[in-house]
Amino acid sequence: MEIIAKRLYDLRTDNDKLQKEIANVLKISQQYYSEYEKGKRELPIRHLKTLCLYYNVSSDYIIGLTNNPKRN
């Protein structure tokens, strides 16, 4: 789960977003989202899908199966 937490953090900071902004996109609290970035909570598929669409990256990238963020 470490790679997912790092990718979530990197995507958010690379896009100059606050945790609160991403939490709003996911319709969860900032504290709840923070636990994804800390690796304390598993990212549900519905949130993975939303974040892939939001950042325009592949799910394989977020979960660490590839280092290429491009969606096919």
N, C-alpha and C. Protein backbone atom coordinates (compact mmCIF):
# COMPACT_ATOMS: atom_id res chain seq x y z
N MET A 1 0.82 -1.20 0.00
CA MET A 1 0.00 0.00 0.00
C MET A 1 0.86 1.26 0.00
N GLU A 2 2.15 1.12 0.29
CA GLU A 2 3.02 2.30 0.31
C GLU A 2 3.08 3.01 -1.03
N ILE A 3 3.13 2.24 -2.12
CA ILE A 3 3.22 2.87 -3.44
C ILE A 3 1.96 3.68 -3.75
N ILE A 4 0.81 3.17 -3.34
CA ILE A 4 -0.44 3.90 -3.58
C ILE A 4 -0.42 5.21 -2.81
N ALA A 5 -0.02 5.16 -1.55
CA ALA A 5 0.03 6.37 -0.73
C ALA A 5 0.97 7.41 -1.35
N LYS A 6 2.14 6.95 -1.81
CA LYS A 6 3.10 7.87 -2.42
C LYS A 6 2.57 8.46 -3.72
N ARG A 7 1.95 7.61 -4.53
CA ARG A 7 1.41 8.11 -5.80
C ARG A 7 0.30 9.13 -5.56
N LEU A 8 -0.55 8.87 -4.58
CA LEU A 8 -1.63 9.82 -4.27
C LEU A 8 -1.05 11.16 -3.83
N TYR A 9 -0.05 11.10 -2.97
CA TYR A 9 0.60 12.33 -2.50
C TYR A 9 1.25 13.07 -3.67
N ASP A 10 2.02 12.34 -4.47
CA ASP A 10 2.73 12.96 -5.60
C ASP A 10 1.76 13.57 -6.60
N LEU A 11 0.70 12.86 -6.93
CA LEU A 11 -0.28 13.40 -7.88
C LEU A 11 -0.91 14.68 -7.33
N ARG A 12 -1.26 14.66 -6.07
CA ARG A 12 -1.90 15.83 -5.47
C ARG A 12 -0.95 17.03 -5.45
N THR A 13 0.27 16.82 -4.99
CA THR A 13 1.21 17.94 -4.88
C THR A 13 1.68 18.42 -6.25
N ASP A 14 1.86 17.50 -7.18
CA ASP A 14 2.26 17.89 -8.54
C ASP A 14 1.20 18.74 -9.22
N ASN A 15 -0.05 18.58 -8.79
CA ASN A 15 -1.16 19.36 -9.35
C ASN A 15 -1.55 20.54 -8.46
N ASP A 16 -0.69 20.84 -7.47
CA ASP A 16 -0.92 21.98 -6.57
C ASP A 16 -2.30 21.96 -5.92
N LYS A 17 -2.69 20.80 -5.43
CA LYS A 17 -3.98 20.65 -4.77
C LYS A 17 -3.78 20.40 -3.28
N LEU A 18 -4.76 20.80 -2.51
CA LEU A 18 -4.79 20.52 -1.08
C LEU A 18 -5.54 19.23 -0.83
N GLN A 19 -5.26 18.58 0.29
CA GLN A 19 -6.00 17.37 0.64
C GLN A 19 -7.49 17.65 0.68
N LYS A 20 -7.86 18.80 1.18
CA LYS A 20 -9.28 19.17 1.29
C LYS A 20 -9.94 19.20 -0.09
N GLU A 21 -9.23 19.69 -1.10
CA GLU A 21 -9.79 19.75 -2.45
C GLU A 21 -10.04 18.35 -3.01
N ILE A 22 -9.09 17.45 -2.80
CA ILE A 22 -9.25 16.09 -3.31
C ILE A 22 -10.34 15.37 -2.51
N ALA A 23 -10.38 15.61 -1.22
CA ALA A 23 -11.43 15.02 -0.39
C ALA A 23 -12.81 15.47 -0.89
N ASN A 24 -12.93 16.72 -1.28
CA ASN A 24 -14.21 17.22 -1.81
C ASN A 24 -14.59 16.50 -3.11
N VAL A 25 -13.61 16.25 -3.96
CA VAL A 25 -13.86 15.51 -5.20
C VAL A 25 -14.40 14.12 -4.88
N LEU A 26 -13.84 13.50 -3.83
CA LEU A 26 -14.24 12.15 -3.44
C LEU A 26 -15.46 12.12 -2.53
N LYS A 27 -15.88 13.32 -2.10
CA LYS A 27 -17.03 13.46 -1.18
C LYS A 27 -16.78 12.75 0.15
N ILE A 28 -15.55 12.98 0.67
CA ILE A 28 -15.17 12.46 1.98
C ILE A 28 -14.49 13.59 2.75
N SER A 29 -14.19 13.35 4.01
CA SER A 29 -13.52 14.39 4.80
C SER A 29 -12.03 14.42 4.48
N GLN A 30 -11.42 15.54 4.78
CA GLN A 30 -9.97 15.69 4.58
C GLN A 30 -9.22 14.67 5.44
N GLN A 31 -9.68 14.46 6.65
CA GLN A 31 -9.03 13.51 7.55
C GLN A 31 -9.07 12.08 6.98
N TYR A 32 -10.19 11.73 6.40
CA TYR A 32 -10.35 10.39 5.80
C TYR A 32 -9.40 10.26 4.61
N TYR A 33 -9.34 11.29 3.76
CA TYR A 33 -8.43 11.25 2.61
C TYR A 33 -6.98 11.17 3.07
N SER A 34 -6.65 11.90 4.11
CA SER A 34 -5.29 11.89 4.65
C SER A 34 -4.83 10.47 4.97
N GLU A 35 -5.74 9.64 5.42
CA GLU A 35 -5.38 8.26 5.75
C GLU A 35 -5.01 7.45 4.51
N TYR A 36 -5.54 7.81 3.35
CA TYR A 36 -5.12 7.17 2.10
C TYR A 36 -3.66 7.51 1.83
N GLU A 37 -3.32 8.80 1.96
CA GLU A 37 -1.95 9.23 1.69
C GLU A 37 -0.95 8.70 2.71
N LYS A 38 -1.39 8.41 3.89
CA LYS A 38 -0.51 7.86 4.93
C LYS A 38 -0.43 6.34 4.86
N GLY A 39 -1.23 5.73 4.00
CA GLY A 39 -1.24 4.29 3.88
C GLY A 39 -1.96 3.59 5.02
N LYS A 40 -2.77 4.33 5.74
CA LYS A 40 -3.50 3.76 6.88
C LYS A 40 -4.87 3.22 6.49
N ARG A 41 -5.31 3.53 5.31
CA ARG A 41 -6.63 3.09 4.86
C ARG A 41 -6.53 2.69 3.39
N GLU A 42 -7.17 1.58 3.04
CA GLU A 42 -7.17 1.13 1.65
C GLU A 42 -8.06 2.02 0.79
N LEU A 43 -7.60 2.26 -0.41
CA LEU A 43 -8.33 3.08 -1.37
C LEU A 43 -9.38 2.22 -2.05
N PRO A 44 -10.67 2.52 -1.87
CA PRO A 44 -11.70 1.73 -2.54
C PRO A 44 -11.69 1.96 -4.05
N ILE A 45 -12.18 0.98 -4.77
CA ILE A 45 -12.17 1.06 -6.23
C ILE A 45 -12.93 2.29 -6.73
N ARG A 46 -14.03 2.64 -6.09
CA ARG A 46 -14.80 3.80 -6.55
C ARG A 46 -13.96 5.08 -6.45
N HIS A 47 -13.12 5.19 -5.43
CA HIS A 47 -12.25 6.36 -5.29
C HIS A 47 -11.07 6.27 -6.26
N LEU A 48 -10.56 5.08 -6.47
CA LEU A 48 -9.49 4.89 -7.46
C LEU A 48 -9.97 5.36 -8.83
N LYS A 49 -11.14 4.94 -9.21
CA LYS A 49 -11.70 5.33 -10.51
C LYS A 49 -11.86 6.85 -10.61
N THR A 50 -12.41 7.46 -9.58
CA THR A 50 -12.61 8.91 -9.57
C THR A 50 -11.27 9.64 -9.70
N LEU A 51 -10.26 9.19 -8.97
CA LEU A 51 -8.95 9.85 -9.02
C LEU A 51 -8.26 9.64 -10.36
N CYS A 52 -8.43 8.49 -10.96
CA CYS A 52 -7.87 8.25 -12.30
C CYS A 52 -8.46 9.24 -13.31
N LEU A 53 -9.75 9.41 -13.25
CA LEU A 53 -10.41 10.36 -14.16
C LEU A 53 -10.01 11.79 -13.84
N TYR A 54 -9.93 12.12 -12.56
CA TYR A 54 -9.59 13.48 -12.13
C TYR A 54 -8.18 13.86 -12.57
N TYR A 55 -7.22 12.98 -12.35
CA TYR A 55 -5.82 13.27 -12.70
C TYR A 55 -5.46 12.83 -14.12
N ASN A 56 -6.37 12.13 -14.79
CA ASN A 56 -6.13 11.61 -16.14
C ASN A 56 -4.92 10.69 -16.17
N VAL A 57 -4.91 9.73 -15.24
CA VAL A 57 -3.86 8.73 -15.17
C VAL A 57 -4.51 7.34 -15.13
N SER A 58 -3.70 6.32 -15.39
CA SER A 58 -4.22 4.95 -15.35
C SER A 58 -4.27 4.43 -13.92
N SER A 59 -5.16 3.50 -13.69
CA SER A 59 -5.22 2.86 -12.38
C SER A 59 -3.96 2.05 -12.14
N ASP A 60 -3.38 1.46 -13.19
CA ASP A 60 -2.13 0.72 -13.04
C ASP A 60 -1.03 1.62 -12.48
N TYR A 61 -1.02 2.87 -12.86
CA TYR A 61 -0.03 3.81 -12.33
C TYR A 61 -0.24 4.04 -10.84
N ILE A 62 -1.46 4.33 -10.44
CA ILE A 62 -1.72 4.61 -9.03
C ILE A 62 -1.41 3.41 -8.15
N ILE A 63 -1.74 2.21 -8.62
CA ILE A 63 -1.50 1.04 -7.77
C ILE A 63 -0.09 0.46 -7.92
N GLY A 64 0.72 1.06 -8.79
CA GLY A 64 2.13 0.70 -8.86
C GLY A 64 2.49 -0.41 -9.82
N LEU A 65 1.60 -0.76 -10.75
CA LEU A 65 1.92 -1.79 -11.72
C LEU A 65 2.76 -1.26 -12.88
N THR A 66 2.77 0.05 -13.05
CA THR A 66 3.57 0.69 -14.08
C THR A 66 4.04 2.05 -13.58
N ASN A 67 5.11 2.53 -14.17
CA ASN A 67 5.58 3.87 -13.84
C ASN A 67 5.13 4.90 -14.87
N ASN A 68 4.37 4.43 -15.85
CA ASN A 68 3.84 5.30 -16.89
C ASN A 68 2.43 5.76 -16.48
N PRO A 69 2.27 7.05 -16.21
CA PRO A 69 0.95 7.52 -15.76
C PRO A 69 -0.09 7.62 -16.86
N LYS A 70 0.29 7.50 -18.11
CA LYS A 70 -0.63 7.68 -19.24
C LYS A 70 -1.74 6.64 -19.23
N ARG A 71 -2.94 7.11 -19.53
CA ARG A 71 -4.06 6.19 -19.71
C ARG A 71 -4.04 5.69 -21.13
N ASN A 72 -4.37 4.44 -21.35
CA ASN A 72 -4.41 3.86 -22.72
C ASN A 72 -5.72 4.13 -23.38
